[in-house]
Amino acid sequence: MDFSEIRPVLSGVLGAIVATFVCAAWARWLPKRMHGKHADTLQFQHRWAIRFANLAFVAGLGAALWLYRWGGYATNDWRPLGLGAGAALSLPLLVLPLAAWSRRCSAAEAYVAFALNQKTPLWVLYPLLLLGLPLFAFSIASL
């Protein structure tokens, strides 16, 4: 076994170690309470909104894979990847308030609960998700 065969494994292990340290460093910036509700309570109350947002994220990425596999796009075409990544990033922004409003809950609480569940500070997660909107629009326009 030569180095080129184990290089992806080493890269994955190193990436996991870095991600663990980043999550540990970000933990201090996660909100502990919102509107008098503890973080665990928020996550429990909005667990279905979080699940639907995660499902929407996976569906966006799955759409890109589907387009590459059965949509007739070449593997080096960027448009299905842009469409899938844009949908994956922007769909949670749509799903979270809809799921919260369907239960007569606060959309702001659902957004905070989602950030808590992802273990990512609000100032990192939501600008990243907002970047999905122009990516999705640009990908749709280029199809």
N, C-alpha and C. Protein backbone atom coordinates (compact mmCIF):
# COMPACT_ATOMS: atom_id res chain seq x y z
N MET A 1 0.85 -1.17 0.00
CA MET A 1 0.00 0.00 0.00
C MET A 1 0.90 1.24 0.00
N ASP A 2 0.72 2.08 -1.00
CA ASP A 2 1.54 3.28 -1.06
C ASP A 2 0.78 4.49 -0.49
N PHE A 3 1.48 5.59 -0.39
CA PHE A 3 0.92 6.78 0.27
C PHE A 3 -0.30 7.32 -0.45
N SER A 4 -0.35 7.21 -1.76
CA SER A 4 -1.48 7.75 -2.52
C SER A 4 -2.79 7.04 -2.18
N GLU A 5 -2.71 5.82 -1.68
CA GLU A 5 -3.93 5.09 -1.31
C GLU A 5 -4.44 5.49 0.07
N ILE A 6 -3.56 5.85 0.98
CA ILE A 6 -4.02 6.22 2.32
C ILE A 6 -4.12 7.73 2.52
N ARG A 7 -3.71 8.50 1.53
CA ARG A 7 -3.78 9.95 1.64
C ARG A 7 -5.21 10.45 1.89
N PRO A 8 -6.25 9.94 1.21
CA PRO A 8 -7.61 10.40 1.51
C PRO A 8 -8.04 10.08 2.95
N VAL A 9 -7.60 8.96 3.48
CA VAL A 9 -7.95 8.60 4.85
C VAL A 9 -7.29 9.57 5.83
N LEU A 10 -6.03 9.87 5.60
CA LEU A 10 -5.33 10.82 6.47
C LEU A 10 -5.94 12.21 6.37
N SER A 11 -6.33 12.60 5.17
CA SER A 11 -6.98 13.89 4.98
C SER A 11 -8.31 13.95 5.73
N GLY A 12 -9.08 12.87 5.68
CA GLY A 12 -10.35 12.83 6.39
C GLY A 12 -10.18 12.88 7.90
N VAL A 13 -9.20 12.16 8.41
CA VAL A 13 -8.94 12.17 9.85
C VAL A 13 -8.48 13.55 10.30
N LEU A 14 -7.59 14.17 9.53
CA LEU A 14 -7.12 15.52 9.87
C LEU A 14 -8.28 16.52 9.82
N GLY A 15 -9.13 16.41 8.82
CA GLY A 15 -10.30 17.28 8.73
C GLY A 15 -11.24 17.11 9.91
N ALA A 16 -11.44 15.88 10.36
CA ALA A 16 -12.30 15.63 11.51
C ALA A 16 -11.70 16.22 12.78
N ILE A 17 -10.39 16.13 12.93
CA ILE A 17 -9.74 16.71 14.11
C ILE A 17 -9.89 18.23 14.11
N VAL A 18 -9.67 18.85 12.96
CA VAL A 18 -9.82 20.30 12.86
C VAL A 18 -11.27 20.70 13.14
N ALA A 19 -12.23 19.97 12.60
CA ALA A 19 -13.64 20.28 12.83
C ALA A 19 -14.01 20.16 14.30
N THR A 20 -13.45 19.19 14.99
CA THR A 20 -13.71 19.03 16.42
C THR A 20 -13.20 20.24 17.20
N PHE A 21 -12.00 20.70 16.88
CA PHE A 21 -11.46 21.87 17.57
C PHE A 21 -12.23 23.14 17.24
N VAL A 22 -12.68 23.28 16.00
CA VAL A 22 -13.47 24.46 15.62
C VAL A 22 -14.80 24.46 16.37
N CYS A 23 -15.47 23.32 16.45
CA CYS A 23 -16.74 23.25 17.18
C CYS A 23 -16.54 23.55 18.67
N ALA A 24 -15.46 23.07 19.23
CA ALA A 24 -15.18 23.35 20.64
C ALA A 24 -14.92 24.84 20.86
N ALA A 25 -14.23 25.47 19.93
CA ALA A 25 -13.96 26.90 20.06
C ALA A 25 -15.23 27.73 19.86
N TRP A 26 -16.11 27.28 18.97
CA TRP A 26 -17.35 28.02 18.72
C TRP A 26 -18.37 27.86 19.83
N ALA A 27 -18.22 26.87 20.69
CA ALA A 27 -19.23 26.59 21.71
C ALA A 27 -19.48 27.79 22.62
N ARG A 28 -18.49 28.61 22.84
CA ARG A 28 -18.68 29.76 23.73
C ARG A 28 -19.54 30.85 23.11
N TRP A 29 -19.69 30.84 21.77
CA TRP A 29 -20.51 31.84 21.10
C TRP A 29 -21.94 31.38 20.85
N LEU A 30 -22.26 30.18 21.24
CA LEU A 30 -23.64 29.71 21.06
C LEU A 30 -24.52 30.33 22.13
N PRO A 31 -25.73 30.73 21.76
CA PRO A 31 -26.63 31.31 22.77
C PRO A 31 -27.05 30.25 23.79
N LYS A 32 -27.18 30.69 25.03
CA LYS A 32 -27.59 29.78 26.10
C LYS A 32 -29.10 29.86 26.35
N ARG A 33 -29.68 31.02 26.06
CA ARG A 33 -31.11 31.26 26.28
C ARG A 33 -31.65 32.20 25.20
N MET A 34 -32.96 32.09 24.99
CA MET A 34 -33.66 33.05 24.13
C MET A 34 -35.08 33.18 24.64
N HIS A 35 -35.51 34.39 24.85
CA HIS A 35 -36.85 34.67 25.37
C HIS A 35 -37.13 33.88 26.65
N GLY A 36 -36.11 33.72 27.48
CA GLY A 36 -36.28 33.02 28.75
C GLY A 36 -36.28 31.50 28.63
N LYS A 37 -36.08 30.98 27.45
CA LYS A 37 -36.07 29.53 27.24
C LYS A 37 -34.63 29.04 27.15
N HIS A 38 -34.35 27.95 27.82
CA HIS A 38 -33.02 27.34 27.78
C HIS A 38 -32.77 26.74 26.40
N ALA A 39 -31.51 26.58 26.05
CA ALA A 39 -31.13 26.06 24.73
C ALA A 39 -31.71 24.67 24.48
N ASP A 40 -31.70 23.82 25.49
CA ASP A 40 -32.26 22.47 25.31
C ASP A 40 -33.76 22.51 25.05
N THR A 41 -34.44 23.43 25.73
CA THR A 41 -35.89 23.58 25.52
C THR A 41 -36.18 24.04 24.10
N LEU A 42 -35.39 25.00 23.62
CA LEU A 42 -35.58 25.49 22.25
C LEU A 42 -35.39 24.36 21.24
N GLN A 43 -34.35 23.57 21.42
CA GLN A 43 -34.11 22.47 20.49
C GLN A 43 -35.22 21.43 20.55
N PHE A 44 -35.76 21.18 21.74
CA PHE A 44 -36.83 20.20 21.86
C PHE A 44 -38.11 20.73 21.21
N GLN A 45 -38.44 21.99 21.47
CA GLN A 45 -39.68 22.56 20.92
C GLN A 45 -39.65 22.66 19.40
N HIS A 46 -38.48 22.85 18.84
CA HIS A 46 -38.37 23.04 17.38
C HIS A 46 -37.69 21.86 16.70
N ARG A 47 -37.78 20.69 17.31
CA ARG A 47 -37.09 19.53 16.76
C ARG A 47 -37.61 19.16 15.38
N TRP A 48 -38.90 19.34 15.11
CA TRP A 48 -39.42 18.99 13.79
C TRP A 48 -38.99 20.01 12.74
N ALA A 49 -38.94 21.27 13.13
CA ALA A 49 -38.45 22.29 12.20
C ALA A 49 -36.99 22.02 11.84
N ILE A 50 -36.20 21.61 12.83
CA ILE A 50 -34.79 21.29 12.60
C ILE A 50 -34.67 20.08 11.68
N ARG A 51 -35.49 19.08 11.92
CA ARG A 51 -35.45 17.88 11.08
C ARG A 51 -35.82 18.20 9.64
N PHE A 52 -36.87 19.01 9.46
CA PHE A 52 -37.28 19.38 8.11
C PHE A 52 -36.20 20.23 7.43
N ALA A 53 -35.54 21.11 8.17
CA ALA A 53 -34.47 21.93 7.59
C ALA A 53 -33.29 21.06 7.17
N ASN A 54 -32.94 20.10 8.01
CA ASN A 54 -31.85 19.17 7.65
C ASN A 54 -32.24 18.33 6.44
N LEU A 55 -33.49 17.88 6.39
CA LEU A 55 -33.97 17.11 5.25
C LEU A 55 -33.95 17.96 3.98
N ALA A 56 -34.31 19.23 4.09
CA ALA A 56 -34.27 20.12 2.93
C ALA A 56 -32.84 20.31 2.45
N PHE A 57 -31.89 20.40 3.38
CA PHE A 57 -30.47 20.52 3.01
C PHE A 57 -30.02 19.30 2.23
N VAL A 58 -30.35 18.12 2.75
CA VAL A 58 -29.95 16.88 2.09
C VAL A 58 -30.66 16.74 0.74
N ALA A 59 -31.90 17.18 0.65
CA ALA A 59 -32.63 17.12 -0.61
C ALA A 59 -31.99 18.01 -1.67
N GLY A 60 -31.49 19.17 -1.26
CA GLY A 60 -30.80 20.03 -2.21
C GLY A 60 -29.55 19.38 -2.77
N LEU A 61 -28.77 18.77 -1.89
CA LEU A 61 -27.57 18.06 -2.37
C LEU A 61 -27.94 16.84 -3.20
N GLY A 62 -29.01 16.16 -2.80
CA GLY A 62 -29.48 15.01 -3.56
C GLY A 62 -29.94 15.40 -4.95
N ALA A 63 -30.53 16.57 -5.08
CA ALA A 63 -30.96 17.05 -6.39
C ALA A 63 -29.76 17.23 -7.31
N ALA A 64 -28.66 17.74 -6.77
CA ALA A 64 -27.45 17.90 -7.59
C ALA A 64 -26.94 16.54 -8.04
N LEU A 65 -26.90 15.58 -7.15
CA LEU A 65 -26.45 14.24 -7.52
C LEU A 65 -27.38 13.63 -8.56
N TRP A 66 -28.68 13.85 -8.39
CA TRP A 66 -29.64 13.32 -9.35
C TRP A 66 -29.42 13.95 -10.72
N LEU A 67 -29.17 15.25 -10.76
CA LEU A 67 -28.95 15.91 -12.05
C LEU A 67 -27.70 15.39 -12.74
N TYR A 68 -26.66 15.12 -11.97
CA TYR A 68 -25.45 14.57 -12.58
C TYR A 68 -25.70 13.16 -13.09
N ARG A 69 -26.42 12.38 -12.33
CA ARG A 69 -26.61 10.97 -12.68
C ARG A 69 -27.61 10.79 -13.82
N TRP A 70 -28.78 11.42 -13.68
CA TRP A 70 -29.86 11.17 -14.66
C TRP A 70 -30.31 12.42 -15.41
N GLY A 71 -29.73 13.56 -15.12
CA GLY A 71 -30.16 14.78 -15.79
C GLY A 71 -29.44 15.08 -17.08
N GLY A 72 -28.46 14.28 -17.41
CA GLY A 72 -27.76 14.47 -18.68
C GLY A 72 -26.66 15.50 -18.63
N TYR A 73 -26.21 15.89 -17.45
CA TYR A 73 -25.13 16.86 -17.34
C TYR A 73 -23.79 16.15 -17.25
N ALA A 74 -22.78 16.76 -17.80
CA ALA A 74 -21.43 16.20 -17.72
C ALA A 74 -20.90 16.34 -16.29
N THR A 75 -19.99 15.48 -15.93
CA THR A 75 -19.46 15.51 -14.56
C THR A 75 -18.62 16.74 -14.29
N ASN A 76 -18.19 17.45 -15.31
CA ASN A 76 -17.40 18.66 -15.10
C ASN A 76 -18.24 19.93 -15.25
N ASP A 77 -19.55 19.81 -15.39
CA ASP A 77 -20.45 20.96 -15.49
C ASP A 77 -20.75 21.47 -14.07
N TRP A 78 -20.58 22.75 -13.83
CA TRP A 78 -20.73 23.32 -12.50
C TRP A 78 -22.20 23.60 -12.14
N ARG A 79 -23.07 23.69 -13.12
CA ARG A 79 -24.44 24.14 -12.86
C ARG A 79 -25.24 23.23 -11.93
N PRO A 80 -25.22 21.91 -12.07
CA PRO A 80 -25.95 21.10 -11.10
C PRO A 80 -25.39 21.22 -9.68
N LEU A 81 -24.09 21.35 -9.56
CA LEU A 81 -23.50 21.53 -8.24
C LEU A 81 -23.92 22.88 -7.65
N GLY A 82 -23.90 23.92 -8.46
CA GLY A 82 -24.34 25.23 -8.00
C GLY A 82 -25.81 25.23 -7.61
N LEU A 83 -26.62 24.55 -8.41
CA LEU A 83 -28.04 24.46 -8.10
C LEU A 83 -28.27 23.67 -6.82
N GLY A 84 -27.60 22.55 -6.67
CA GLY A 84 -27.78 21.74 -5.47
C GLY A 84 -27.26 22.41 -4.23
N ALA A 85 -26.07 23.02 -4.31
CA ALA A 85 -25.51 23.71 -3.15
C ALA A 85 -26.34 24.94 -2.80
N GLY A 86 -26.80 25.68 -3.80
CA GLY A 86 -27.65 26.84 -3.54
C GLY A 86 -28.96 26.45 -2.90
N ALA A 87 -29.57 25.37 -3.39
CA ALA A 87 -30.82 24.89 -2.79
C ALA A 87 -30.58 24.36 -1.39
N ALA A 88 -29.50 23.62 -1.21
CA ALA A 88 -29.20 23.06 0.11
C ALA A 88 -28.98 24.15 1.14
N LEU A 89 -28.35 25.23 0.74
CA LEU A 89 -28.08 26.32 1.68
C LEU A 89 -29.30 27.20 1.90
N SER A 90 -30.11 27.42 0.88
CA SER A 90 -31.21 28.37 1.04
C SER A 90 -32.52 27.73 1.50
N LEU A 91 -32.73 26.45 1.26
CA LEU A 91 -33.98 25.82 1.67
C LEU A 91 -34.20 25.83 3.19
N PRO A 92 -33.18 25.63 4.03
CA PRO A 92 -33.44 25.73 5.47
C PRO A 92 -33.96 27.11 5.90
N LEU A 93 -33.53 28.16 5.19
CA LEU A 93 -34.03 29.49 5.51
C LEU A 93 -35.53 29.62 5.25
N LEU A 94 -36.05 28.85 4.34
CA LEU A 94 -37.47 28.85 4.03
C LEU A 94 -38.24 27.87 4.92
N VAL A 95 -37.66 26.72 5.16
CA VAL A 95 -38.35 25.66 5.90
C VAL A 95 -38.51 26.00 7.37
N LEU A 96 -37.49 26.59 7.98
CA LEU A 96 -37.54 26.86 9.42
C LEU A 96 -38.71 27.76 9.82
N PRO A 97 -38.91 28.92 9.18
CA PRO A 97 -40.06 29.73 9.60
C PRO A 97 -41.41 29.09 9.27
N LEU A 98 -41.48 28.38 8.13
CA LEU A 98 -42.75 27.73 7.79
C LEU A 98 -43.12 26.66 8.82
N ALA A 99 -42.13 25.87 9.23
CA ALA A 99 -42.40 24.84 10.24
C ALA A 99 -42.75 25.47 11.58
N ALA A 100 -42.10 26.57 11.93
CA ALA A 100 -42.40 27.23 13.20
C ALA A 100 -43.79 27.87 13.17
N TRP A 101 -44.11 28.55 12.09
CA TRP A 101 -45.42 29.20 12.00
C TRP A 101 -46.56 28.20 11.95
N SER A 102 -46.31 27.02 11.39
CA SER A 102 -47.37 26.01 11.36
C SER A 102 -47.73 25.54 12.76
N ARG A 103 -46.80 25.67 13.70
CA ARG A 103 -47.05 25.30 15.10
C ARG A 103 -47.33 26.52 15.96
N ARG A 104 -47.48 27.69 15.34
CA ARG A 104 -47.73 28.94 16.04
C ARG A 104 -46.57 29.29 16.98
N CYS A 105 -45.35 29.05 16.51
CA CYS A 105 -44.15 29.36 17.29
C CYS A 105 -43.39 30.50 16.61
N SER A 106 -42.38 30.98 17.29
CA SER A 106 -41.56 32.07 16.78
C SER A 106 -40.54 31.54 15.77
N ALA A 107 -40.48 32.21 14.63
CA ALA A 107 -39.48 31.83 13.62
C ALA A 107 -38.07 32.14 14.11
N ALA A 108 -37.92 33.21 14.87
CA ALA A 108 -36.60 33.56 15.41
C ALA A 108 -36.10 32.46 16.34
N GLU A 109 -36.99 31.91 17.15
CA GLU A 109 -36.60 30.81 18.02
C GLU A 109 -36.21 29.57 17.21
N ALA A 110 -36.90 29.32 16.11
CA ALA A 110 -36.55 28.18 15.26
C ALA A 110 -35.18 28.37 14.64
N TYR A 111 -34.87 29.60 14.21
CA TYR A 111 -33.54 29.86 13.66
C TYR A 111 -32.45 29.64 14.70
N VAL A 112 -32.68 30.11 15.93
CA VAL A 112 -31.69 29.93 17.00
C VAL A 112 -31.57 28.45 17.35
N ALA A 113 -32.69 27.74 17.41
CA ALA A 113 -32.65 26.30 17.72
C ALA A 113 -31.87 25.54 16.64
N PHE A 114 -32.03 25.95 15.38
CA PHE A 114 -31.29 25.31 14.30
C PHE A 114 -29.79 25.56 14.45
N ALA A 115 -29.42 26.79 14.78
CA ALA A 115 -28.00 27.10 14.98
C ALA A 115 -27.44 26.31 16.16
N LEU A 116 -28.22 26.17 17.22
CA LEU A 116 -27.79 25.37 18.37
C LEU A 116 -27.60 23.91 17.96
N ASN A 117 -28.53 23.40 17.18
CA ASN A 117 -28.45 22.02 16.75
C ASN A 117 -27.23 21.78 15.86
N GLN A 118 -26.90 22.76 15.04
CA GLN A 118 -25.73 22.64 14.16
C GLN A 118 -24.43 22.96 14.89
N LYS A 119 -24.56 23.44 16.12
CA LYS A 119 -23.40 23.82 16.94
C LYS A 119 -22.53 24.86 16.24
N THR A 120 -23.22 25.80 15.62
CA THR A 120 -22.56 26.86 14.86
C THR A 120 -23.14 28.20 15.31
N PRO A 121 -22.28 29.17 15.60
CA PRO A 121 -22.80 30.49 15.99
C PRO A 121 -23.66 31.10 14.90
N LEU A 122 -24.60 31.92 15.32
CA LEU A 122 -25.51 32.56 14.38
C LEU A 122 -24.75 33.40 13.35
N TRP A 123 -23.69 34.08 13.78
CA TRP A 123 -22.95 34.96 12.88
C TRP A 123 -22.15 34.19 11.85
N VAL A 124 -22.02 32.88 11.99
CA VAL A 124 -21.35 32.05 10.98
C VAL A 124 -22.38 31.35 10.10
N LEU A 125 -23.40 30.77 10.73
CA LEU A 125 -24.34 29.92 10.02
C LEU A 125 -25.21 30.70 9.04
N TYR A 126 -25.81 31.80 9.47
CA TYR A 126 -26.80 32.44 8.61
C TYR A 126 -26.21 33.24 7.46
N PRO A 127 -25.06 33.89 7.60
CA PRO A 127 -24.45 34.45 6.37
C PRO A 127 -24.09 33.35 5.36
N LEU A 128 -23.65 32.21 5.86
CA LEU A 128 -23.34 31.09 4.97
C LEU A 128 -24.60 30.61 4.25
N LEU A 129 -25.70 30.48 4.98
CA LEU A 129 -26.95 30.05 4.35
C LEU A 129 -27.48 31.11 3.39
N LEU A 130 -27.29 32.38 3.72
CA LEU A 130 -27.74 33.45 2.83
C LEU A 130 -26.95 33.48 1.53
N LEU A 131 -25.71 33.01 1.55
CA LEU A 131 -24.93 32.94 0.32
C LEU A 131 -25.53 31.94 -0.68
N GLY A 132 -26.35 31.03 -0.18
CA GLY A 132 -27.00 30.08 -1.06
C GLY A 132 -28.03 30.71 -1.97
N LEU A 133 -28.63 31.82 -1.56
CA LEU A 133 -29.65 32.47 -2.38
C LEU A 133 -29.10 32.97 -3.72
N PRO A 134 -28.03 33.77 -3.73
CA PRO A 134 -27.52 34.19 -5.05
C PRO A 134 -26.91 33.03 -5.84
N LEU A 135 -26.34 32.05 -5.16
CA LEU A 135 -25.81 30.89 -5.86
C LEU A 135 -26.93 30.12 -6.55
N PHE A 136 -28.05 29.94 -5.84
CA PHE A 136 -29.21 29.25 -6.43
C PHE A 136 -29.76 30.05 -7.60
N ALA A 137 -29.92 31.37 -7.42
CA ALA A 137 -30.47 32.21 -8.49
C ALA A 137 -29.55 32.23 -9.71
N PHE A 138 -28.25 32.33 -9.50
CA PHE A 138 -27.31 32.35 -10.61
C PHE A 138 -27.30 31.01 -11.34
N SER A 139 -27.42 29.91 -10.60
CA SER A 139 -27.45 28.59 -11.22
C SER A 139 -28.71 28.38 -12.03
N ILE A 140 -29.84 28.84 -11.50
CA ILE A 140 -31.11 28.73 -12.23
C ILE A 140 -31.03 29.56 -13.52
N ALA A 141 -30.48 30.75 -13.42
CA ALA A 141 -30.39 31.62 -14.60
C ALA A 141 -29.48 31.03 -15.67
N SER A 142 -28.48 30.26 -15.27
CA SER A 142 -27.54 29.72 -16.25
C SER A 142 -28.01 28.41 -16.88
N LEU A 143 -29.07 27.82 -16.36
CA LEU A 143 -29.56 26.56 -16.96
C LEU A 143 -30.21 26.82 -18.25
